[in-house]
Amino acid sequence: MSVFQLALDAHILIGTVVLGSFWTAALAAKGSTVHRRAGRAYALAMAALLAVTLVMTAGMVLDGDPRRAMFNVYVSLISVVSVWIAWSSVAFKDDIRRYLGWPYKLLFGALLAYGLFVLSLAPRMPSPARSAMVAAFAVLGLSIAAAMAWRLLKRNDSPRWWLAEHLTGMGINFAATHASFSILAGGSVFPTLKEPWVRTGILVAWMCSALVVRLWAGRRFLGPRVTGRLAIGAAPQRAPTAGAALRPAQNQ
């Protein structure tokens, strides 16, 4: 068995753990112990998955397919960026300068440059199906880079900027986790899923789904809250009367 095949089998196995921990965190009460522990498990599993992906990349080179290896590195970079955003936005939620430090800027520059490079390769692919697939991945990476550039520009434009970033990171992870599992694990059972046009359709479908999930999560978790200011449409509270203020509290 080749190095690539061994790494692929390990990738699918670890990917199952990644998928399970993702949905455990997604369905748990936000901020709860289960949510935090599942999030840590997801980050650790993704780190292991990325290590296996590097072995897969080496296997591609050994099998004489350096172009595919180069593309695999790009996909891994997208995963690194999404996991970093999701984790560091919570870890550094009280320090925007630390969040936007050199790791963030380095990942942004690498993703932007690599995304443009991959986009330039799309017209050179041997078939229209592969060109479409490469272009879709390029657009995904460049869209993430654009979101990172927006954060660099806007910085902490709201008190819950960190939650917006966390939701964005997990939205990307949603697409990456499910697209990878669908293509790799599903492709090992259903050969049709390995076809370039089918892969492209799967990728685009999960990208669109991730956008819908991110928009929904933004409305669900970033909506207006009463935090020291009167919410629009809320009835103002009446000030206590002097008699009420002097009346001793009951049921103490």
C-alpha atoms as a PDB file:
ATOM      1  CA  MET A   1       0.000   0.000   0.000  1.00  0.00           C
ATOM      2  CA  SER A   2       1.344   3.431  -0.960  1.00  0.00           C
ATOM      3  CA  VAL A   3       2.115   6.269   1.453  1.00  0.00           C
ATOM      4  CA  PHE A   4      -0.729   8.264  -0.039  1.00  0.00           C
ATOM      5  CA  GLN A   5      -3.291   5.479   0.492  1.00  0.00           C
ATOM      6  CA  LEU A   6      -2.210   4.936   4.108  1.00  0.00           C
ATOM      7  CA  ALA A   7      -2.478   8.668   4.782  1.00  0.00           C
ATOM      8  CA  LEU A   8      -5.844   8.809   3.022  1.00  0.00           C
ATOM      9  CA  ASP A   9      -7.255   6.049   5.232  1.00  0.00           C
ATOM     10  CA  ALA A  10      -5.970   7.850   8.334  1.00  0.00           C
ATOM     11  CA  HIS A  11      -7.423  11.104   6.999  1.00  0.00           C
ATOM     12  CA  ILE A  12     -10.892   9.566   6.692  1.00  0.00           C
ATOM     13  CA  LEU A  13     -10.661   8.051  10.185  1.00  0.00           C
ATOM     14  CA  ILE A  14      -9.595  11.308  11.838  1.00  0.00           C
ATOM     15  CA  GLY A  15     -12.108  13.175   9.690  1.00  0.00           C
ATOM     16  CA  THR A  16     -14.883  11.176  11.349  1.00  0.00           C
ATOM     17  CA  VAL A  17     -13.690  12.470  14.741  1.00  0.00           C
ATOM     18  CA  VAL A  18     -13.553  15.998  13.311  1.00  0.00           C
ATOM     19  CA  LEU A  19     -17.113  15.730  12.037  1.00  0.00           C
ATOM     20  CA  GLY A  20     -18.402  14.341  15.322  1.00  0.00           C
ATOM     21  CA  SER A  21     -16.706  17.001  17.465  1.00  0.00           C
ATOM     22  CA  PHE A  22     -17.920  19.750  15.117  1.00  0.00           C
ATOM     23  CA  TRP A  23     -21.566  18.803  15.538  1.00  0.00           C
ATOM     24  CA  THR A  24     -21.162  18.202  19.260  1.00  0.00           C
ATOM     25  CA  ALA A  25     -19.940  21.783  19.647  1.00  0.00           C
ATOM     26  CA  ALA A  26     -22.556  23.111  17.214  1.00  0.00           C
ATOM     27  CA  LEU A  27     -25.490  21.508  19.026  1.00  0.00           C
ATOM     28  CA  ALA A  28     -24.279  22.175  22.579  1.00  0.00           C
ATOM     29  CA  ALA A  29     -25.288  25.288  24.495  1.00  0.00           C
ATOM     30  CA  LYS A  30     -22.888  28.040  23.454  1.00  0.00           C
ATOM     31  CA  GLY A  31     -20.296  28.735  26.129  1.00  0.00           C
ATOM     32  CA  SER A  32     -21.137  25.541  28.034  1.00  0.00           C
ATOM     33  CA  THR A  33     -18.547  23.020  29.195  1.00  0.00           C
ATOM     34  CA  VAL A  34     -19.601  20.594  26.455  1.00  0.00           C
ATOM     35  CA  HIS A  35     -19.268  23.329  23.835  1.00  0.00           C
ATOM     36  CA  ARG A  36     -15.780  24.308  24.981  1.00  0.00           C
ATOM     37  CA  ARG A  37     -14.513  20.741  25.295  1.00  0.00           C
ATOM     38  CA  ALA A  38     -15.919  19.739  21.926  1.00  0.00           C
ATOM     39  CA  GLY A  39     -14.303  22.842  20.429  1.00  0.00           C
ATOM     40  CA  ARG A  40     -10.928  21.853  21.849  1.00  0.00           C
ATOM     41  CA  ALA A  41     -11.402  18.302  20.570  1.00  0.00           C
ATOM     42  CA  TYR A  42     -12.232  19.699  17.141  1.00  0.00           C
ATOM     43  CA  ALA A  43      -9.112  21.898  17.080  1.00  0.00           C
ATOM     44  CA  LEU A  44      -6.863  18.992  18.154  1.00  0.00           C
ATOM     45  CA  ALA A  45      -8.442  16.636  15.635  1.00  0.00           C
ATOM     46  CA  MET A  46      -8.000  19.233  12.887  1.00  0.00           C
ATOM     47  CA  ALA A  47      -4.323  19.606  13.831  1.00  0.00           C
ATOM     48  CA  ALA A  48      -3.899  15.833  13.510  1.00  0.00           C
ATOM     49  CA  LEU A  49      -5.827  15.897  10.239  1.00  0.00           C
ATOM     50  CA  LEU A  50      -3.584  18.594   8.807  1.00  0.00           C
ATOM     51  CA  ALA A  51      -0.487  16.590   9.819  1.00  0.00           C
ATOM     52  CA  VAL A  52      -1.877  13.590   7.944  1.00  0.00           C
ATOM     53  CA  THR A  53      -2.654  15.855   4.989  1.00  0.00           C
ATOM     54  CA  LEU A  54       1.028  16.773   4.777  1.00  0.00           C
ATOM     55  CA  VAL A  55       1.846  13.062   4.596  1.00  0.00           C
ATOM     56  CA  MET A  56      -0.721  12.744   1.811  1.00  0.00           C
ATOM     57  CA  THR A  57       1.010  15.610   0.033  1.00  0.00           C
ATOM     58  CA  ALA A  58       4.354  13.828   0.292  1.00  0.00           C
ATOM     59  CA  GLY A  59       2.697  10.699  -1.084  1.00  0.00           C
ATOM     60  CA  MET A  60       1.431  12.671  -4.065  1.00  0.00           C
ATOM     61  CA  VAL A  61       4.948  13.877  -4.793  1.00  0.00           C
ATOM     62  CA  LEU A  62       6.298  10.320  -4.517  1.00  0.00           C
ATOM     63  CA  ASP A  63       3.590   9.146  -6.902  1.00  0.00           C
ATOM     64  CA  GLY A  64       4.731  11.745  -9.458  1.00  0.00           C
ATOM     65  CA  ASP A  65       1.852  14.185  -9.063  1.00  0.00           C
ATOM     66  CA  PRO A  66       3.422  17.449  -7.800  1.00  0.00           C
ATOM     67  CA  ARG A  67       0.572  19.598  -9.190  1.00  0.00           C
ATOM     68  CA  ARG A  68      -1.948  17.796  -7.032  1.00  0.00           C
ATOM     69  CA  ALA A  69       0.395  18.089  -4.041  1.00  0.00           C
ATOM     70  CA  MET A  70       0.665  21.836  -4.556  1.00  0.00           C
ATOM     71  CA  PHE A  71      -3.116  22.105  -4.652  1.00  0.00           C
ATOM     72  CA  ASN A  72      -3.371  19.995  -1.503  1.00  0.00           C
ATOM     73  CA  VAL A  73      -1.120  22.452   0.334  1.00  0.00           C
ATOM     74  CA  TYR A  74      -3.475  25.259  -0.646  1.00  0.00           C
ATOM     75  CA  VAL A  75      -6.492  23.408   0.735  1.00  0.00           C
ATOM     76  CA  SER A  76      -4.537  22.759   3.940  1.00  0.00           C
ATOM     77  CA  LEU A  77      -3.737  26.462   4.209  1.00  0.00           C
ATOM     78  CA  ILE A  78      -7.443  27.304   4.060  1.00  0.00           C
ATOM     79  CA  SER A  79      -8.062  24.866   6.914  1.00  0.00           C
ATOM     80  CA  VAL A  80      -5.235  26.334   8.980  1.00  0.00           C
ATOM     81  CA  VAL A  81      -6.650  29.832   8.500  1.00  0.00           C
ATOM     82  CA  SER A  82     -10.190  28.824   9.444  1.00  0.00           C
ATOM     83  CA  VAL A  83      -9.109  26.947  12.579  1.00  0.00           C
ATOM     84  CA  TRP A  84      -6.835  29.818  13.631  1.00  0.00           C
ATOM     85  CA  ILE A  85      -9.621  32.382  13.216  1.00  0.00           C
ATOM     86  CA  ALA A  86     -12.128  30.252  15.132  1.00  0.00           C
ATOM     87  CA  TRP A  87      -9.736  29.568  18.026  1.00  0.00           C
ATOM     88  CA  SER A  88      -7.798  32.815  18.378  1.00  0.00           C
ATOM     89  CA  SER A  89     -10.890  35.026  18.133  1.00  0.00           C
ATOM     90  CA  VAL A  90     -12.101  33.519  21.414  1.00  0.00           C
ATOM     91  CA  ALA A  91      -8.674  33.252  23.015  1.00  0.00           C
ATOM     92  CA  PHE A  92      -7.870  36.927  22.290  1.00  0.00           C
ATOM     93  CA  LYS A  93     -11.359  38.389  22.476  1.00  0.00           C
ATOM     94  CA  ASP A  94     -10.186  41.068  24.925  1.00  0.00           C
ATOM     95  CA  ASP A  95      -7.166  42.084  22.824  1.00  0.00           C
ATOM     96  CA  ILE A  96      -7.824  42.920  19.172  1.00  0.00           C
ATOM     97  CA  ARG A  97      -4.185  43.880  18.666  1.00  0.00           C
ATOM     98  CA  ARG A  98      -3.033  40.425  19.688  1.00  0.00           C
ATOM     99  CA  TYR A  99      -5.684  38.786  17.532  1.00  0.00           C
ATOM    100  CA  LEU A 100      -4.555  40.783  14.500  1.00  0.00           C
ATOM    101  CA  GLY A 101      -0.889  40.157  15.270  1.00  0.00           C
ATOM    102  CA  TRP A 102       1.783  38.718  12.996  1.00  0.00           C
ATOM    103  CA  PRO A 103       0.239  35.188  12.706  1.00  0.00           C
ATOM    104  CA  TYR A 104      -3.009  36.686  11.393  1.00  0.00           C
ATOM    105  CA  LYS A 105      -1.184  38.968   8.953  1.00  0.00           C
ATOM    106  CA  LEU A 106       1.095  36.130   7.818  1.00  0.00           C
ATOM    107  CA  LEU A 107      -1.841  33.814   7.155  1.00  0.00           C
ATOM    108  CA  PHE A 108      -3.695  36.601   5.352  1.00  0.00           C
ATOM    109  CA  GLY A 109      -0.745  37.355   3.052  1.00  0.00           C
ATOM    110  CA  ALA A 110      -0.085  33.671   2.341  1.00  0.00           C
ATOM    111  CA  LEU A 111      -3.734  32.937   1.564  1.00  0.00           C
ATOM    112  CA  LEU A 112      -4.095  35.983  -0.675  1.00  0.00           C
ATOM    113  CA  ALA A 113      -0.936  35.179  -2.652  1.00  0.00           C
ATOM    114  CA  TYR A 114      -1.685  31.461  -2.909  1.00  0.00           C
ATOM    115  CA  GLY A 115      -5.306  32.133  -3.876  1.00  0.00           C
ATOM    116  CA  LEU A 116      -4.263  34.407  -6.725  1.00  0.00           C
ATOM    117  CA  PHE A 117      -1.708  31.820  -7.844  1.00  0.00           C
ATOM    118  CA  VAL A 118      -4.302  29.024  -7.851  1.00  0.00           C
ATOM    119  CA  LEU A 119      -6.744  31.246  -9.738  1.00  0.00           C
ATOM    120  CA  SER A 120      -4.080  31.805 -12.414  1.00  0.00           C
ATOM    121  CA  LEU A 121      -3.807  28.022 -12.839  1.00  0.00           C
ATOM    122  CA  ALA A 122      -7.513  27.520 -13.563  1.00  0.00           C
ATOM    123  CA  PRO A 123      -7.326  28.308 -17.321  1.00  0.00           C
ATOM    124  CA  ARG A 124      -4.363  25.927 -17.672  1.00  0.00           C
ATOM    125  CA  MET A 125      -6.156  22.839 -16.393  1.00  0.00           C
ATOM    126  CA  PRO A 126      -6.508  19.952 -18.875  1.00  0.00           C
ATOM    127  CA  SER A 127     -10.317  19.970 -18.825  1.00  0.00           C
ATOM    128  CA  PRO A 128     -13.150  22.457 -18.198  1.00  0.00           C
ATOM    129  CA  ALA A 129     -14.287  20.417 -15.192  1.00  0.00           C
ATOM    130  CA  ARG A 130     -10.917  20.705 -13.489  1.00  0.00           C
ATOM    131  CA  SER A 131     -10.711  24.392 -14.378  1.00  0.00           C
ATOM    132  CA  ALA A 132     -14.063  24.957 -12.675  1.00  0.00           C
ATOM    133  CA  MET A 133     -12.974  23.028  -9.588  1.00  0.00           C
ATOM    134  CA  VAL A 134      -9.692  24.932  -9.259  1.00  0.00           C
ATOM    135  CA  ALA A 135     -11.476  28.255  -9.799  1.00  0.00           C
ATOM    136  CA  ALA A 136     -14.018  27.372  -7.092  1.00  0.00           C
ATOM    137  CA  PHE A 137     -11.260  26.633  -4.584  1.00  0.00           C
ATOM    138  CA  ALA A 138      -9.466  29.834  -5.567  1.00  0.00           C
ATOM    139  CA  VAL A 139     -12.620  31.884  -5.018  1.00  0.00           C
ATOM    140  CA  LEU A 140     -13.089  30.242  -1.607  1.00  0.00           C
ATOM    141  CA  GLY A 141      -9.580  31.194  -0.476  1.00  0.00           C
ATOM    142  CA  LEU A 142      -9.777  34.715  -1.868  1.00  0.00           C
ATOM    143  CA  SER A 143     -13.166  35.263  -0.209  1.00  0.00           C
ATOM    144  CA  ILE A 144     -11.644  34.322   3.144  1.00  0.00           C
ATOM    145  CA  ALA A 145      -8.695  36.640   2.472  1.00  0.00           C
ATOM    146  CA  ALA A 146     -11.147  39.455   1.699  1.00  0.00           C
ATOM    147  CA  ALA A 147     -12.918  38.855   5.019  1.00  0.00           C
ATOM    148  CA  MET A 148      -9.551  38.982   6.799  1.00  0.00           C
ATOM    149  CA  ALA A 149      -8.667  42.244   5.053  1.00  0.00           C
ATOM    150  CA  TRP A 150     -12.007  43.677   6.171  1.00  0.00           C
ATOM    151  CA  ARG A 151     -11.234  42.786   9.784  1.00  0.00           C
ATOM    152  CA  LEU A 152      -7.782  44.361   9.512  1.00  0.00           C
ATOM    153  CA  LEU A 153      -9.469  47.527   8.291  1.00  0.00           C
ATOM    154  CA  LYS A 154     -12.442  47.616  10.678  1.00  0.00           C
ATOM    155  CA  ARG A 155     -10.691  46.090  13.718  1.00  0.00           C
ATOM    156  CA  ASN A 156     -12.940  46.039  16.817  1.00  0.00           C
ATOM    157  CA  ASP A 157     -15.857  47.841  15.197  1.00  0.00           C
ATOM    158  CA  SER A 158     -18.304  46.343  17.707  1.00  0.00           C
ATOM    159  CA  PRO A 159     -18.092  44.910  21.230  1.00  0.00           C
ATOM    160  CA  ARG A 160     -18.740  41.427  19.844  1.00  0.00           C
ATOM    161  CA  TRP A 161     -16.285  41.538  16.973  1.00  0.00           C
ATOM    162  CA  TRP A 162     -14.673  38.381  18.334  1.00  0.00           C
ATOM    163  CA  LEU A 163     -17.952  36.467  18.119  1.00  0.00           C
ATOM    164  CA  ALA A 164     -18.411  37.594  14.516  1.00  0.00           C
ATOM    165  CA  GLU A 165     -14.914  36.298  13.741  1.00  0.00           C
ATOM    166  CA  HIS A 166     -15.549  33.037  15.590  1.00  0.00           C
ATOM    167  CA  LEU A 167     -18.734  32.453  13.609  1.00  0.00           C
ATOM    168  CA  THR A 168     -16.907  33.221  10.369  1.00  0.00           C
ATOM    169  CA  GLY A 169     -14.142  30.767  11.221  1.00  0.00           C
ATOM    170  CA  MET A 170     -16.626  28.046  12.114  1.00  0.00           C
ATOM    171  CA  GLY A 171     -18.624  28.780   8.965  1.00  0.00           C
ATOM    172  CA  ILE A 172     -15.507  28.101   6.914  1.00  0.00           C
ATOM    173  CA  ASN A 173     -14.824  24.987   8.993  1.00  0.00           C
ATOM    174  CA  PHE A 174     -18.390  23.866   8.303  1.00  0.00           C
ATOM    175  CA  ALA A 175     -17.766  23.966   4.556  1.00  0.00           C
ATOM    176  CA  ALA A 176     -14.252  22.493   4.738  1.00  0.00           C
ATOM    177  CA  THR A 177     -15.189  19.644   7.079  1.00  0.00           C
ATOM    178  CA  HIS A 178     -18.270  18.530   5.194  1.00  0.00           C
ATOM    179  CA  ALA A 179     -16.861  19.015   1.696  1.00  0.00           C
ATOM    180  CA  SER A 180     -13.713  17.056   2.569  1.00  0.00           C
ATOM    181  CA  PHE A 181     -15.688  14.260   4.224  1.00  0.00           C
ATOM    182  CA  SER A 182     -18.152  14.106   1.323  1.00  0.00           C
ATOM    183  CA  ILE A 183     -15.445  13.934  -1.322  1.00  0.00           C
ATOM    184  CA  LEU A 184     -12.882  11.697   0.399  1.00  0.00           C
ATOM    185  CA  ALA A 185     -15.009   9.393   2.525  1.00  0.00           C
ATOM    186  CA  GLY A 186     -17.928   9.427   0.100  1.00  0.00           C
ATOM    187  CA  GLY A 187     -15.620   8.970  -2.881  1.00  0.00           C
ATOM    188  CA  SER A 188     -14.166   5.809  -1.338  1.00  0.00           C
ATOM    189  CA  VAL A 189     -17.674   4.297  -1.374  1.00  0.00           C
ATOM    190  CA  PHE A 190     -19.196   5.961  -4.439  1.00  0.00           C
ATOM    191  CA  PRO A 191     -16.632   6.362  -7.267  1.00  0.00           C
ATOM    192  CA  THR A 192     -18.909   8.854  -9.016  1.00  0.00           C
ATOM    193  CA  LEU A 193     -18.047  11.434  -6.339  1.00  0.00           C
ATOM    194  CA  LYS A 194     -14.463  11.464  -7.615  1.00  0.00           C
ATOM    195  CA  GLU A 195     -15.497  12.948 -10.962  1.00  0.00           C
ATOM    196  CA  PRO A 196     -14.276  16.573 -11.339  1.00  0.00           C
ATOM    197  CA  TRP A 197     -17.689  18.035 -12.134  1.00  0.00           C
ATOM    198  CA  VAL A 198     -19.257  16.205  -9.202  1.00  0.00           C
ATOM    199  CA  ARG A 199     -16.474  17.362  -6.881  1.00  0.00           C
ATOM    200  CA  THR A 200     -16.959  20.917  -8.058  1.00  0.00           C
ATOM    201  CA  GLY A 201     -20.694  20.687  -7.449  1.00  0.00           C
ATOM    202  CA  ILE A 202     -20.117  19.314  -3.935  1.00  0.00           C
ATOM    203  CA  LEU A 203     -17.650  22.065  -3.127  1.00  0.00           C
ATOM    204  CA  VAL A 204     -19.892  24.863  -4.404  1.00  0.00           C
ATOM    205  CA  ALA A 205     -22.897  23.397  -2.591  1.00  0.00           C
ATOM    206  CA  TRP A 206     -21.064  23.337   0.739  1.00  0.00           C
ATOM    207  CA  MET A 207     -19.673  26.826   0.152  1.00  0.00           C
ATOM    208  CA  CYS A 208     -23.192  28.162  -0.402  1.00  0.00           C
ATOM    209  CA  SER A 209     -24.445  26.233   2.615  1.00  0.00           C
ATOM    210  CA  ALA A 210     -21.682  27.740   4.750  1.00  0.00           C
ATOM    211  CA  LEU A 211     -22.708  31.223   3.647  1.00  0.00           C
ATOM    212  CA  VAL A 212     -26.321  30.529   4.611  1.00  0.00           C
ATOM    213  CA  VAL A 213     -25.234  29.108   7.982  1.00  0.00           C
ATOM    214  CA  ARG A 214     -23.007  32.122   8.661  1.00  0.00           C
ATOM    215  CA  LEU A 215     -25.802  34.572   7.843  1.00  0.00           C
ATOM    216  CA  TRP A 216     -28.226  32.658  10.039  1.00  0.00           C
ATOM    217  CA  ALA A 217     -25.721  32.462  12.897  1.00  0.00           C
ATOM    218  CA  GLY A 218     -25.055  36.187  12.601  1.00  0.00           C
ATOM    219  CA  ARG A 219     -28.747  36.971  13.010  1.00  0.00           C
ATOM    220  CA  ARG A 220     -29.109  34.381  15.774  1.00  0.00           C
ATOM    221  CA  PHE A 221     -26.091  35.274  17.923  1.00  0.00           C
ATOM    222  CA  LEU A 222     -25.209  38.827  16.906  1.00  0.00           C
ATOM    223  CA  GLY A 223     -28.686  40.344  17.087  1.00  0.00           C
ATOM    224  CA  PRO A 224     -29.487  43.359  19.306  1.00  0.00           C
ATOM    225  CA  ARG A 225     -29.253  42.815  23.024  1.00  0.00           C
ATOM    226  CA  VAL A 226     -30.074  44.954  25.990  1.00  0.00           C
ATOM    227  CA  THR A 227     -26.660  45.798  27.422  1.00  0.00           C
ATOM    228  CA  GLY A 228     -27.000  49.003  29.368  1.00  0.00           C
ATOM    229  CA  ARG A 229     -29.015  50.721  26.636  1.00  0.00           C
ATOM    230  CA  LEU A 230     -32.692  50.566  25.892  1.00  0.00           C
ATOM    231  CA  ALA A 231     -33.394  48.273  22.993  1.00  0.00           C
ATOM    232  CA  ILE A 232     -35.469  49.683  20.163  1.00  0.00           C
ATOM    233  CA  GLY A 233     -39.114  48.960  20.761  1.00  0.00           C
ATOM    234  CA  ALA A 234     -38.652  48.086  24.440  1.00  0.00           C
ATOM    235  CA  ALA A 235     -40.924  49.843  26.895  1.00  0.00           C
ATOM    236  CA  PRO A 236     -39.064  52.155  29.272  1.00  0.00           C
ATOM    237  CA  GLN A 237     -39.128  51.180  32.925  1.00  0.00           C
ATOM    238  CA  ARG A 238     -40.922  53.507  35.286  1.00  0.00           C
ATOM    239  CA  ALA A 239     -38.849  55.126  37.966  1.00  0.00           C
ATOM    240  CA  PRO A 240     -39.739  54.011  41.500  1.00  0.00           C
ATOM    241  CA  THR A 241     -41.805  56.408  43.561  1.00  0.00           C
ATOM    242  CA  ALA A 242     -40.435  57.970  46.693  1.00  0.00           C
ATOM    243  CA  GLY A 243     -42.660  55.749  48.822  1.00  0.00           C
ATOM    244  CA  ALA A 244     -41.530  52.646  47.044  1.00  0.00           C
ATOM    245  CA  ALA A 245     -37.913  53.659  47.446  1.00  0.00           C
ATOM    246  CA  LEU A 246     -38.347  54.034  51.202  1.00  0.00           C
ATOM    247  CA  ARG A 247     -40.403  50.825  51.612  1.00  0.00           C
ATOM    248  CA  PRO A 248     -38.296  47.961  53.001  1.00  0.00           C
ATOM    249  CA  ALA A 249     -37.630  45.097  50.620  1.00  0.00           C
ATOM    250  CA  GLN A 250     -39.851  42.060  51.095  1.00  0.00           C
ATOM    251  CA  ASN A 251     -39.038  38.381  51.053  1.00  0.00           C
ATOM    252  CA  GLN A 252     -35.376  38.892  51.875  1.00  0.00           C
END
